[in-house]
Amino acid sequence: MNKPINDSEEFVYQVCHKSFLSLWSYANPRGKNSKELCDILIVCEPDIIIISVKDIKLTDSGNIEVDWQRWLRKAIEGSVDQIYGAEKRIKLTSHVIRSDGSQGLPFPSSDVQRVHRVAVALGGDDKVPIQFGNFGKGFVHVFDRVSFETILRELDTTTDFVQYLIEKEDLYASGKQTVFDGYEEDLLGYYIHNGRSYPDNFDVIVVGNNIWNEIIKKPEYKAKKEADRDSYIWDRLLENISKDVLNNNLEFGPDLNQSELALRAMAREPRFARRILGKFFKDFMNLAAQRRIESRTLTLPESNIAYVFLAKPHGEDRQYRVSELGGRCFVVRGLQQNCKTVIGIGTEQYEPSKGSSFDIFYLHQETWTAEDQKQLQYVQKEFGWFASPQQKAVHEDEYPINSR
């Protein structure tokens, strides 16, 4: 039987749950013989993030070197062993097994999966130099409480967080010397300041001890944080639909696999894209509430995904709503030939005294045939779905320029 989540694991899980959402986050998943696999597991194809948490209090024996080595052995080496063991087990397993023994999402196939190893070492009180790197079976990222909270607060989507881990691994694999005068969050600040990468034209990189504090003081950074408020509309939408999927409330929607494919694509949108999506969805729902429109579509060139939003009056049959949502997705696939994936989200027009339900539709079609084109033209003529679409391009700066 699995042990209950302790305070340190609860801390990490809450941070991860907020960043990676409930459908992809697992606390204390099971491994071989129902033993704990790791403390936290994030699975969002193709990425698997294995997280081990150790809360070891730093002792005071009077010999600081001995105390440091003892803490490092228990807090970091213990996590590394658990992470390597979990990775080995995952390669032999088809699905996540939740802490209650139920089956979770399937693991990505071995030919596409990317494993990221994260150790969170608590209890060092910022007194012990944190060690990270390849401990023999792959690179392990090691964070303390402050750095882990800071990084996941800043990079709070799967795509943004994973990209940072990859860039950091590539930096150390390149053989460049890194001189630390600061902390992990300063390395993060260096990464952000350099356009979310590390420079490749230097042999030595010096990480100062005040980079992060300087970054967060900049007016561009503050303007970004203000603009990102709209992005969390997308997070709330994702979480609401995820709960419906987990609770089997998508009565007439696609099966779990299709729903997860749609939600996974939505969850892999980075924070900046979520800002655009959240703002667009808010505007759409306002117009739908005024009965000015019923449907709208948005295409993001970076991901080559088209989104279709549909809001129908309360009381309309959900089967018809899902059918219309699927039909509109098909039309958009034909109109946007660069987008082989179309995701549809259906709901009710907003009314203050009434709740709402969600339906989700996933369409991925590699080729578009002459027969498909004939069907598209028939649907447009018969139902009027996007028969005369009006297109509008919108520009958005990730770091808005403060007009003052």
Protein backbone atom coordinates (compact mmCIF):
# COMPACT_ATOMS: atom_id res chain seq x y z
CA MET A 1 0.00 0.00 0.00
CA ASN A 2 1.33 3.42 -0.92
CA LYS A 3 2.32 5.88 1.76
CA PRO A 4 0.26 9.08 2.09
CA ILE A 5 1.63 12.28 0.61
CA ASN A 6 3.81 14.08 3.17
CA ASP A 7 4.16 17.85 3.49
CA SER A 8 7.11 18.16 1.11
CA GLU A 9 5.46 16.03 -1.57
CA GLU A 10 2.22 17.96 -1.14
CA PHE A 11 4.17 21.17 -1.77
CA VAL A 12 5.63 19.81 -4.99
CA TYR A 13 2.35 18.29 -6.15
CA GLN A 14 0.45 21.54 -5.68
CA VAL A 15 3.07 23.39 -7.72
CA CYS A 16 2.96 20.76 -10.46
CA HIS A 17 -0.83 20.49 -10.40
CA LYS A 18 -1.13 24.23 -10.95
CA SER A 19 1.37 24.14 -13.81
CA PHE A 20 0.58 20.86 -15.53
CA LEU A 21 -3.11 20.36 -14.62
CA SER A 22 -4.88 17.34 -13.22
CA LEU A 23 -5.14 15.11 -16.30
CA TRP A 24 -1.36 14.82 -16.63
CA SER A 25 -0.15 14.98 -12.99
CA TYR A 26 0.16 11.92 -10.75
CA ALA A 27 1.17 11.94 -7.10
CA ASN A 28 2.85 8.75 -5.82
CA PRO A 29 2.14 6.57 -8.88
CA ARG A 30 2.76 2.86 -8.43
CA GLY A 31 5.57 0.82 -9.86
CA LYS A 32 6.60 -2.82 -9.52
CA ASN A 33 4.74 -4.81 -6.85
CA SER A 34 2.60 -1.72 -6.11
CA LYS A 35 5.59 0.11 -4.66
CA GLU A 36 5.91 3.84 -5.16
CA LEU A 37 7.39 4.63 -8.58
CA CYS A 38 8.33 8.24 -7.77
CA ASP A 39 6.82 11.17 -5.92
CA ILE A 40 5.37 13.06 -8.89
CA LEU A 41 4.94 11.94 -12.49
CA ILE A 42 3.94 14.21 -15.37
CA VAL A 43 2.95 12.51 -18.63
CA CYS A 44 2.09 14.70 -21.62
CA GLU A 45 3.23 12.99 -24.82
CA PRO A 46 5.99 12.97 -25.88
CA ASP A 47 7.31 14.18 -22.51
CA ILE A 48 7.63 12.26 -19.25
CA ILE A 49 8.82 14.24 -16.22
CA ILE A 50 9.95 12.09 -13.28
CA ILE A 51 10.14 14.04 -10.01
CA SER A 52 11.64 12.79 -6.76
CA VAL A 53 11.33 14.82 -3.55
CA LYS A 54 13.55 14.50 -0.49
CA ASP A 55 13.13 16.64 2.61
CA ILE A 56 16.30 16.13 4.65
CA LYS A 57 17.18 18.46 7.50
CA LEU A 58 20.72 19.74 7.52
CA THR A 59 22.51 18.55 10.65
CA ASP A 60 24.99 20.59 12.64
CA SER A 61 27.83 18.35 13.77
CA GLY A 62 30.35 21.16 13.93
CA ASN A 63 31.99 20.03 10.70
CA ILE A 64 30.29 21.75 7.80
CA GLU A 65 31.97 19.59 5.14
CA VAL A 66 30.72 16.39 6.81
CA ASP A 67 27.21 17.89 7.20
CA TRP A 68 27.12 18.90 3.55
CA GLN A 69 28.22 15.48 2.31
CA ARG A 70 25.71 13.70 4.53
CA TRP A 71 22.88 15.94 3.30
CA LEU A 72 23.90 15.58 -0.35
CA ARG A 73 24.01 11.81 -0.05
CA LYS A 74 20.53 11.57 1.48
CA ALA A 75 18.76 14.38 -0.38
CA ILE A 76 20.24 14.13 -3.86
CA GLU A 77 21.73 10.68 -4.29
CA GLY A 78 18.57 9.14 -2.86
CA SER A 79 16.44 11.02 -5.41
CA VAL A 80 18.77 10.13 -8.26
CA ASP A 81 18.51 6.42 -7.47
CA GLN A 82 14.71 6.65 -7.33
CA ILE A 83 14.54 8.54 -10.63
CA TYR A 84 16.77 6.09 -12.49
CA GLY A 85 14.77 3.18 -11.09
CA ALA A 86 11.48 4.80 -12.17
CA GLU A 87 12.78 5.42 -15.66
CA LYS A 88 13.81 1.79 -16.01
CA ARG A 89 10.38 0.65 -14.84
CA ILE A 90 8.53 3.02 -17.20
CA LYS A 91 10.30 1.45 -20.18
CA LEU A 92 8.68 -1.86 -19.21
CA THR A 93 5.19 -0.46 -18.55
CA SER A 94 2.39 0.55 -20.92
CA HIS A 95 0.32 2.85 -18.68
CA VAL A 96 0.60 5.01 -15.59
CA ILE A 97 -0.76 3.28 -12.49
CA ARG A 98 -2.28 5.81 -10.10
CA SER A 99 -1.73 5.67 -6.35
CA ASP A 100 -5.14 4.00 -5.92
CA GLY A 101 -4.22 1.25 -8.38
CA SER A 102 -6.36 2.52 -11.26
CA GLN A 103 -4.98 2.93 -14.76
CA GLY A 104 -3.89 6.35 -15.95
CA LEU A 105 -2.72 7.59 -19.32
CA PRO A 106 -0.57 5.44 -21.59
CA PHE A 107 3.12 6.20 -21.70
CA PRO A 108 4.40 7.63 -25.00
CA SER A 109 5.92 4.97 -27.24
CA SER A 110 9.66 4.46 -26.84
CA ASP A 111 10.42 5.93 -30.27
CA VAL A 112 9.00 9.36 -29.35
CA GLN A 113 9.18 9.68 -25.55
CA ARG A 114 11.45 12.25 -23.95
CA VAL A 115 12.32 11.64 -20.30
CA HIS A 116 13.20 14.52 -18.00
CA ARG A 117 14.60 13.81 -14.54
CA VAL A 118 13.99 16.28 -11.71
CA ALA A 119 15.09 16.03 -8.08
CA VAL A 120 13.71 18.50 -5.54
CA ALA A 121 15.98 18.68 -2.48
CA LEU A 122 14.41 20.37 0.52
CA GLY A 123 15.83 21.04 3.95
CA GLY A 124 19.22 22.45 2.94
CA ASP A 125 18.13 25.98 3.92
CA ASP A 126 20.08 27.44 0.96
CA LYS A 127 23.34 26.58 2.75
CA VAL A 128 24.44 23.59 0.67
CA PRO A 129 25.80 23.97 -2.89
CA ILE A 130 23.35 22.12 -5.13
CA GLN A 131 24.85 19.54 -7.47
CA PHE A 132 23.24 18.54 -10.77
CA GLY A 133 24.27 16.83 -13.98
CA ASN A 134 24.71 13.28 -15.24
CA PHE A 135 24.97 10.92 -12.29
CA GLY A 136 25.67 7.93 -14.53
CA LYS A 137 22.38 7.18 -16.30
CA GLY A 138 21.25 10.51 -17.68
CA PHE A 139 21.11 14.19 -16.73
CA VAL A 140 19.23 14.99 -13.51
CA HIS A 141 18.04 18.53 -12.75
CA VAL A 142 18.27 19.31 -9.04
CA PHE A 143 16.32 22.19 -7.51
CA ASP A 144 15.83 23.50 -4.00
CA ARG A 145 12.52 24.92 -2.79
CA VAL A 146 13.15 28.49 -3.91
CA SER A 147 14.46 27.64 -7.37
CA PHE A 148 11.73 25.07 -8.05
CA GLU A 149 8.95 27.48 -7.06
CA THR A 150 10.51 30.29 -9.09
CA ILE A 151 11.01 28.25 -12.24
CA LEU A 152 7.55 26.70 -12.25
CA ARG A 153 5.97 30.05 -11.48
CA GLU A 154 7.76 31.51 -14.49
CA LEU A 155 7.61 28.49 -16.82
CA ASP A 156 4.19 27.18 -15.82
CA THR A 157 3.30 25.15 -18.90
CA THR A 158 4.68 21.79 -20.00
CA THR A 159 6.19 23.25 -23.16
CA ASP A 160 7.89 26.21 -21.46
CA PHE A 161 9.24 24.11 -18.58
CA VAL A 162 10.49 21.26 -20.78
CA GLN A 163 12.17 23.67 -23.19
CA TYR A 164 14.14 25.14 -20.30
CA LEU A 165 15.25 21.68 -19.16
CA ILE A 166 16.34 20.77 -22.69
CA GLU A 167 18.27 24.02 -23.22
CA LYS A 168 20.00 23.60 -19.87
CA GLU A 169 21.00 20.02 -20.66
CA ASP A 170 22.30 21.11 -24.08
CA LEU A 171 24.33 23.85 -22.41
CA TYR A 172 26.15 21.36 -20.19
CA ALA A 173 26.47 18.78 -22.95
CA SER A 174 28.23 21.42 -25.07
CA GLY A 175 31.17 21.43 -22.67
CA LYS A 176 30.99 25.17 -22.02
CA GLN A 177 32.24 26.19 -18.61
CA THR A 178 29.64 27.80 -16.36
CA VAL A 179 30.85 29.89 -13.46
CA PHE A 180 28.18 30.29 -10.78
CA ASP A 181 28.14 33.36 -8.60
CA GLY A 182 24.36 33.08 -8.20
CA TYR A 183 21.56 30.55 -8.03
CA GLU A 184 19.40 28.48 -10.34
CA GLU A 185 16.93 31.35 -10.72
CA ASP A 186 19.80 33.53 -12.01
CA LEU A 187 20.52 30.88 -14.65
CA LEU A 188 16.81 31.11 -15.53
CA GLY A 189 17.12 34.90 -15.79
CA TYR A 190 20.11 34.52 -18.12
CA TYR A 191 18.03 32.12 -20.26
CA ILE A 192 15.08 34.53 -20.49
CA HIS A 193 17.26 37.57 -21.13
CA ASN A 194 18.94 35.74 -24.01
CA GLY A 195 15.63 34.98 -25.78
CA ARG A 196 14.99 31.63 -24.09
CA SER A 197 18.30 30.09 -25.05
CA TYR A 198 21.94 30.16 -24.04
CA PRO A 199 24.60 31.79 -26.22
CA ASP A 200 26.74 29.42 -28.26
CA ASN A 201 29.57 31.83 -29.12
CA PHE A 202 31.26 31.79 -25.69
CA ASP A 203 33.46 29.21 -23.99
CA VAL A 204 32.73 30.47 -20.46
CA ILE A 205 29.41 31.74 -19.12
CA VAL A 206 29.36 33.63 -15.84
CA VAL A 207 26.05 33.55 -13.96
CA GLY A 208 25.86 36.56 -11.66
CA ASN A 209 24.04 36.63 -8.33
CA ASN A 210 21.46 39.29 -9.16
CA ILE A 211 20.31 38.47 -12.70
CA TRP A 212 16.85 37.26 -11.73
CA ASN A 213 16.13 40.26 -9.50
CA GLU A 214 17.13 42.59 -12.31
CA ILE A 215 14.91 40.75 -14.81
CA ILE A 216 11.73 40.99 -12.72
CA LYS A 217 12.25 44.74 -12.17
CA LYS A 218 12.13 45.51 -15.89
CA PRO A 219 8.95 47.28 -17.11
CA GLU A 220 8.72 44.87 -20.08
CA TYR A 221 8.62 41.91 -17.69
CA LYS A 222 5.90 43.52 -15.56
CA ALA A 223 3.89 44.33 -18.68
CA LYS A 224 4.16 40.70 -19.79
CA LYS A 225 2.86 39.46 -16.45
CA GLU A 226 -0.09 41.85 -16.67
CA ALA A 227 -0.87 40.78 -20.25
CA ASP A 228 -0.59 37.09 -19.29
CA ARG A 229 -3.66 37.34 -17.07
CA ASP A 230 -5.83 36.49 -20.07
CA SER A 231 -3.77 33.33 -20.64
CA TYR A 232 -5.17 31.74 -17.48
CA ILE A 233 -8.63 31.73 -19.04
CA TRP A 234 -7.19 28.95 -21.21
CA ASP A 235 -5.86 27.13 -18.13
CA ARG A 236 -9.28 27.23 -16.46
CA LEU A 237 -10.95 26.00 -19.64
CA LEU A 238 -8.47 23.14 -19.84
CA GLU A 239 -9.03 22.18 -16.21
CA ASN A 240 -12.82 22.27 -16.56
CA ILE A 241 -12.81 20.05 -19.65
CA SER A 242 -10.22 17.73 -18.05
CA LYS A 243 -12.53 17.23 -15.07
CA ASP A 244 -15.39 16.39 -17.43
CA VAL A 245 -13.16 13.83 -19.17
CA LEU A 246 -12.08 12.26 -15.85
CA ASN A 247 -15.69 12.21 -14.60
CA ASN A 248 -17.09 10.88 -17.89
CA ASN A 249 -19.26 13.97 -18.35
CA LEU A 250 -18.57 14.34 -22.07
CA GLU A 251 -21.76 12.44 -22.82
CA PHE A 252 -21.70 12.60 -26.58
CA GLY A 253 -18.11 13.53 -27.27
CA PRO A 254 -15.25 11.39 -28.56
CA ASP A 255 -13.73 8.63 -26.46
CA LEU A 256 -11.10 9.25 -23.80
CA ASN A 257 -8.23 8.78 -26.24
CA GLN A 258 -9.62 11.40 -28.64
CA SER A 259 -10.41 13.74 -25.76
CA GLU A 260 -6.91 13.36 -24.35
CA LEU A 261 -5.39 14.03 -27.77
CA ALA A 262 -7.32 17.29 -28.00
CA LEU A 263 -6.56 18.32 -24.43
CA ARG A 264 -2.91 17.37 -24.78
CA ALA A 265 -2.56 19.61 -27.82
CA MET A 266 -4.27 22.41 -25.91
CA ALA A 267 -2.01 21.83 -22.89
CA ARG A 268 1.13 21.93 -24.98
CA GLU A 269 0.45 25.52 -25.98
CA PRO A 270 3.05 27.74 -24.25
CA ARG A 271 2.09 30.65 -22.02
CA PHE A 272 2.32 33.26 -24.79
CA ALA A 273 0.02 31.26 -27.10
CA ARG A 274 -2.38 30.73 -24.20
CA ARG A 275 -2.61 34.49 -23.79
CA ILE A 276 -3.80 34.81 -27.39
CA LEU A 277 -6.17 31.85 -27.01
CA GLY A 278 -7.57 33.06 -23.70
CA LYS A 279 -8.19 36.57 -24.99
CA PHE A 280 -9.80 35.21 -28.16
CA PHE A 281 -12.06 32.83 -26.22
CA LYS A 282 -13.16 35.61 -23.83
CA ASP A 283 -14.05 37.89 -26.74
CA PHE A 284 -15.89 35.07 -28.49
CA MET A 285 -17.99 34.23 -25.42
CA ASN A 286 -18.92 37.91 -24.98
CA LEU A 287 -20.09 38.15 -28.59
CA ALA A 288 -21.95 34.83 -28.32
CA ALA A 289 -23.73 36.03 -25.16
CA GLN A 290 -24.96 39.03 -27.16
CA ARG A 291 -26.25 36.58 -29.83
CA ARG A 292 -24.00 38.25 -32.39
CA ILE A 293 -22.16 35.06 -33.39
CA GLU A 294 -22.35 31.31 -32.70
CA SER A 295 -18.98 30.14 -33.92
CA ARG A 296 -15.48 31.42 -34.54
CA THR A 297 -12.14 29.94 -35.53
CA LEU A 298 -8.54 30.80 -34.66
CA THR A 299 -5.35 29.52 -36.25
CA LEU A 300 -1.96 29.61 -34.53
CA PRO A 301 0.84 29.40 -37.12
CA GLU A 302 3.42 28.30 -34.52
CA SER A 303 1.59 25.06 -33.69
CA ASN A 304 -0.27 24.63 -37.02
CA ILE A 305 -3.43 23.93 -35.04
CA ALA A 306 -6.80 25.48 -35.82
CA TYR A 307 -9.34 25.96 -33.04
CA VAL A 308 -13.09 26.11 -33.54
CA PHE A 309 -15.33 27.58 -30.84
CA LEU A 310 -19.09 26.99 -30.84
CA ALA A 311 -21.64 28.40 -28.38
CA LYS A 312 -25.29 27.36 -28.72
CA PRO A 313 -28.35 28.48 -26.72
CA HIS A 314 -29.16 26.61 -23.51
CA GLY A 315 -31.49 23.67 -24.03
CA GLU A 316 -30.27 22.64 -27.46
CA ASP A 317 -29.57 18.92 -27.84
CA ARG A 318 -25.91 18.19 -27.13
CA GLN A 319 -25.82 15.49 -29.79
CA TYR A 320 -26.68 18.10 -32.41
CA ARG A 321 -24.14 20.47 -30.89
CA VAL A 322 -21.37 17.87 -31.15
CA SER A 323 -22.42 17.04 -34.72
CA GLU A 324 -22.25 20.71 -35.69
CA LEU A 325 -18.91 21.09 -33.90
CA GLY A 326 -17.48 18.15 -35.85
CA GLY A 327 -18.86 19.49 -39.12
CA ARG A 328 -17.36 22.92 -38.52
CA CYS A 329 -13.99 21.34 -37.69
CA PHE A 330 -14.11 19.48 -41.00
CA VAL A 331 -14.83 22.72 -42.90
CA VAL A 332 -11.96 24.52 -41.17
CA ARG A 333 -9.59 21.66 -41.99
CA GLY A 334 -10.40 22.26 -45.65
CA LEU A 335 -10.14 26.03 -45.42
CA GLN A 336 -6.82 25.96 -43.53
CA GLN A 337 -4.70 23.55 -45.53
CA ASN A 338 -1.61 24.17 -43.39
CA CYS A 339 -3.45 22.94 -40.30
CA LYS A 340 -3.81 19.17 -40.29
CA THR A 341 -5.16 19.25 -36.73
CA VAL A 342 -8.39 21.00 -35.78
CA ILE A 343 -9.74 21.12 -32.23
CA GLY A 344 -13.34 22.07 -31.54
CA ILE A 345 -14.77 23.30 -28.22
CA GLY A 346 -18.52 23.53 -27.79
CA THR A 347 -20.48 25.08 -24.94
CA GLU A 348 -23.59 27.16 -24.18
CA GLN A 349 -24.01 30.88 -24.66
CA TYR A 350 -23.32 32.52 -21.32
CA GLU A 351 -26.29 33.27 -19.06
CA PRO A 352 -25.61 34.46 -15.48
CA SER A 353 -28.12 32.16 -13.79
CA LYS A 354 -27.22 29.01 -15.70
CA GLY A 355 -24.27 26.64 -15.70
CA SER A 356 -22.39 25.37 -18.72
CA SER A 357 -21.22 22.11 -20.23
CA PHE A 358 -18.37 21.47 -22.62
CA ASP A 359 -17.85 19.20 -25.58
CA ILE A 360 -14.54 18.69 -27.32
CA PHE A 361 -13.79 17.41 -30.80
CA TYR A 362 -10.45 16.32 -32.24
CA LEU A 363 -9.80 16.06 -35.97
CA HIS A 364 -6.43 15.15 -37.45
CA GLN A 365 -6.36 14.56 -41.18
CA GLU A 366 -3.07 14.31 -43.06
CA THR A 367 -4.41 14.59 -46.61
CA TRP A 368 -7.25 16.51 -48.23
CA THR A 369 -8.84 14.85 -51.25
CA ALA A 370 -11.08 16.05 -54.06
CA GLU A 371 -13.91 14.12 -52.42
CA ASP A 372 -13.27 15.99 -49.16
CA GLN A 373 -13.46 19.27 -51.05
CA LYS A 374 -16.81 18.33 -52.59
CA GLN A 375 -18.13 17.42 -49.12
CA LEU A 376 -16.86 20.74 -47.72
CA GLN A 377 -18.68 22.72 -50.42
CA TYR A 378 -21.87 20.78 -49.80
CA VAL A 379 -21.73 21.42 -46.04
CA GLN A 380 -21.06 25.12 -46.55
CA LYS A 381 -24.01 25.43 -48.92
CA GLU A 382 -26.38 23.25 -46.87
CA PHE A 383 -25.63 24.60 -43.38
CA GLY A 384 -23.79 27.85 -44.01
CA TRP A 385 -20.88 26.89 -41.75
CA PHE A 386 -18.01 29.30 -42.48
CA ALA A 387 -19.50 29.80 -45.95
CA SER A 388 -18.19 33.39 -46.18
CA PRO A 389 -15.37 33.51 -43.63
CA GLN A 390 -13.87 36.86 -42.72
CA GLN A 391 -10.18 36.64 -41.86
CA LYS A 392 -8.28 38.96 -39.56
CA ALA A 393 -4.59 38.83 -38.63
CA VAL A 394 -3.65 39.93 -35.11
CA HIS A 395 -0.19 40.87 -33.81
CA GLU A 396 0.73 40.44 -30.15
CA ASP A 397 4.04 41.18 -28.40
CA GLU A 398 5.07 38.77 -25.68
CA TYR A 399 6.73 41.65 -23.84
CA PRO A 400 4.41 44.60 -24.56
CA ILE A 401 6.06 47.97 -24.88
CA ASN A 402 4.94 50.26 -22.08
CA SER A 403 3.55 53.36 -23.81
CA ARG A 404 4.68 55.52 -20.90
